[in-house]
Amino acid sequence: MSTHLTHVSAPEGLAPSPQYSHVVWGTGRFVAVSGQIALDASGAVVGAGDAVAQARQVFENLGRCLASAGAGFEDVVKLTYFVTDMAHLPAIREARDAAFGRLPLPASSAVQVTALVRPELVLEIEAFALISEDGEAA
């Protein structure tokens, strides 16, 4: 687990959330990962209209993007979910939990949108991470 990040799940005066950290801060180099959608390596949509399949693919894509910057899910400080229906959040949380395992959860926001870049997509997720100053995951 990263030692360069601090997770606060319940700041004074706020109810704790089991689904995210209210605040995450740390030191290091900032990594921004553009919103990822459920496309495979060839650019084909994975799981058209299927939130479970799409969430798994999106977290796989996020993992690959983070790795390209020398980061991992342990370095993520913020996730933003864009969903066409809030009913997809349980599927997203299941895929997130599989990707993060027992790691502290990052801060997060969920926004319902009317559409994404392609009509068969139901979710998009962007990530922000901090890696150690030398560019290596801590």
Protein backbone atom coordinates (compact mmCIF):
# COMPACT_ATOMS: atom_id res chain seq x y z
CA MET A 1 0.00 0.00 0.00
CA SER A 2 1.18 3.51 -0.74
CA THR A 3 2.60 5.44 2.17
CA HIS A 4 2.58 8.74 0.29
CA LEU A 5 -1.24 9.02 0.45
CA THR A 6 -3.53 9.78 3.38
CA HIS A 7 -7.20 8.70 3.20
CA VAL A 8 -9.82 10.30 5.42
CA SER A 9 -13.09 8.40 5.34
CA ALA A 10 -14.84 10.51 7.98
CA PRO A 11 -13.70 14.11 8.48
CA GLU A 12 -15.05 15.71 11.65
CA GLY A 13 -18.74 16.46 11.26
CA LEU A 14 -19.30 14.11 8.29
CA ALA A 15 -20.76 10.64 8.29
CA PRO A 16 -18.28 7.96 7.15
CA SER A 17 -18.84 6.31 3.80
CA PRO A 18 -17.98 2.70 3.05
CA GLN A 19 -18.04 3.53 -0.68
CA TYR A 20 -15.24 6.14 -0.89
CA SER A 21 -12.86 8.36 1.08
CA HIS A 22 -14.14 11.89 1.66
CA VAL A 23 -10.60 13.28 1.40
CA VAL A 24 -7.32 11.95 -0.01
CA TRP A 25 -4.07 13.90 -0.05
CA GLY A 26 -0.46 13.09 -0.67
CA THR A 27 2.83 14.07 -2.19
CA GLY A 28 4.31 13.14 -5.50
CA ARG A 29 3.78 13.51 -9.23
CA PHE A 30 0.24 14.04 -10.52
CA VAL A 31 -1.19 11.56 -13.04
CA ALA A 32 -4.47 12.29 -14.86
CA VAL A 33 -6.14 9.45 -16.73
CA SER A 34 -8.72 10.48 -19.30
CA GLY A 35 -12.18 9.00 -19.07
CA GLN A 36 -12.00 5.35 -20.03
CA ILE A 37 -14.80 3.54 -21.81
CA ALA A 38 -15.41 -0.15 -22.50
CA LEU A 39 -13.28 -0.58 -25.61
CA ASP A 40 -10.90 -3.49 -26.08
CA ALA A 41 -7.41 -3.18 -27.59
CA SER A 42 -8.85 -3.26 -31.13
CA GLY A 43 -11.34 -0.47 -30.37
CA ALA A 44 -14.41 -2.72 -30.23
CA VAL A 45 -17.07 -2.10 -27.58
CA VAL A 46 -17.10 -4.73 -24.82
CA GLY A 47 -20.53 -5.59 -23.42
CA ALA A 48 -22.79 -3.25 -25.39
CA GLY A 49 -25.41 -2.03 -22.91
CA ASP A 50 -24.09 -4.37 -20.16
CA ALA A 51 -22.93 -2.40 -17.10
CA VAL A 52 -21.14 -5.38 -15.49
CA ALA A 53 -19.05 -6.23 -18.57
CA GLN A 54 -18.35 -2.57 -19.30
CA ALA A 55 -17.27 -1.80 -15.74
CA ARG A 56 -14.81 -4.69 -15.77
CA GLN A 57 -13.34 -3.52 -19.09
CA VAL A 58 -13.13 0.09 -17.94
CA PHE A 59 -11.20 -0.85 -14.79
CA GLU A 60 -8.92 -3.06 -16.89
CA ASN A 61 -8.29 -0.07 -19.17
CA LEU A 62 -7.71 2.22 -16.17
CA GLY A 63 -5.17 -0.26 -14.80
CA ARG A 64 -3.29 -0.25 -18.10
CA CYS A 65 -3.28 3.54 -18.25
CA LEU A 66 -2.04 3.82 -14.67
CA ALA A 67 0.71 1.26 -15.34
CA SER A 68 1.91 3.28 -18.34
CA ALA A 69 2.62 6.14 -15.88
CA GLY A 70 4.30 3.87 -13.34
CA ALA A 71 1.21 3.92 -11.12
CA GLY A 72 -1.35 1.43 -9.85
CA PHE A 73 -4.73 1.51 -8.18
CA GLU A 74 -2.96 2.07 -4.84
CA ASP A 75 -1.95 5.52 -6.16
CA VAL A 76 -5.44 6.66 -7.20
CA VAL A 77 -6.75 9.63 -5.23
CA LYS A 78 -9.95 10.38 -7.19
CA LEU A 79 -12.36 8.59 -9.51
CA THR A 80 -15.17 10.27 -11.41
CA TYR A 81 -17.95 8.06 -12.76
CA PHE A 82 -20.12 9.21 -15.66
CA VAL A 83 -23.12 6.91 -15.99
CA THR A 84 -26.22 6.90 -18.15
CA ASP A 85 -28.21 5.44 -15.24
CA MET A 86 -27.37 5.55 -11.52
CA ALA A 87 -28.68 1.97 -11.34
CA HIS A 88 -25.30 0.95 -12.82
CA LEU A 89 -23.41 1.98 -9.66
CA PRO A 90 -23.55 -1.48 -8.00
CA ALA A 91 -21.89 -3.03 -11.08
CA ILE A 92 -19.26 -0.30 -11.07
CA ARG A 93 -18.58 -0.76 -7.35
CA GLU A 94 -18.16 -4.51 -7.86
CA ALA A 95 -15.57 -3.95 -10.61
CA ARG A 96 -13.88 -1.21 -8.57
CA ASP A 97 -13.66 -3.47 -5.52
CA ALA A 98 -12.10 -6.23 -7.65
CA ALA A 99 -9.51 -3.76 -8.98
CA PHE A 100 -8.73 -2.14 -5.61
CA GLY A 101 -8.97 -5.24 -3.44
CA ARG A 102 -8.32 -4.25 0.17
CA LEU A 103 -6.75 -0.88 -0.73
CA PRO A 104 -8.27 2.25 0.78
CA LEU A 105 -10.86 3.63 -1.61
CA PRO A 106 -10.19 6.97 -3.30
CA ALA A 107 -12.41 10.02 -3.26
CA SER A 108 -15.11 9.73 -5.91
CA SER A 109 -18.02 11.42 -7.62
CA ALA A 110 -20.80 9.99 -9.76
CA VAL A 111 -22.61 12.01 -12.39
CA GLN A 112 -25.58 10.82 -14.43
CA VAL A 113 -25.35 11.92 -18.06
CA THR A 114 -27.84 11.66 -20.89
CA ALA A 115 -25.34 10.14 -23.31
CA LEU A 116 -21.73 9.12 -23.81
CA VAL A 117 -19.61 9.22 -26.96
CA ARG A 118 -21.24 6.03 -28.32
CA PRO A 119 -24.86 4.97 -27.72
CA GLU A 120 -23.99 1.41 -26.60
CA LEU A 121 -21.81 2.71 -23.75
CA VAL A 122 -23.31 3.07 -20.27
CA LEU A 123 -20.33 4.35 -18.27
CA GLU A 124 -17.05 6.22 -18.41
CA ILE A 125 -14.54 6.63 -15.58
CA GLU A 126 -11.63 9.04 -15.18
CA ALA A 127 -8.91 8.79 -12.55
CA PHE A 128 -6.39 11.02 -10.83
CA ALA A 129 -3.36 9.52 -9.10
CA LEU A 130 -0.21 10.60 -7.27
CA ILE A 131 3.02 8.68 -7.66
CA SER A 132 6.27 9.17 -5.78
CA GLU A 133 8.56 12.02 -6.85
CA ASP A 134 10.90 9.65 -8.70
CA GLY A 135 8.03 8.41 -10.88
CA GLU A 136 7.83 4.99 -9.26
CA ALA A 137 4.76 3.67 -7.53
CA ALA A 138 5.32 3.79 -3.79
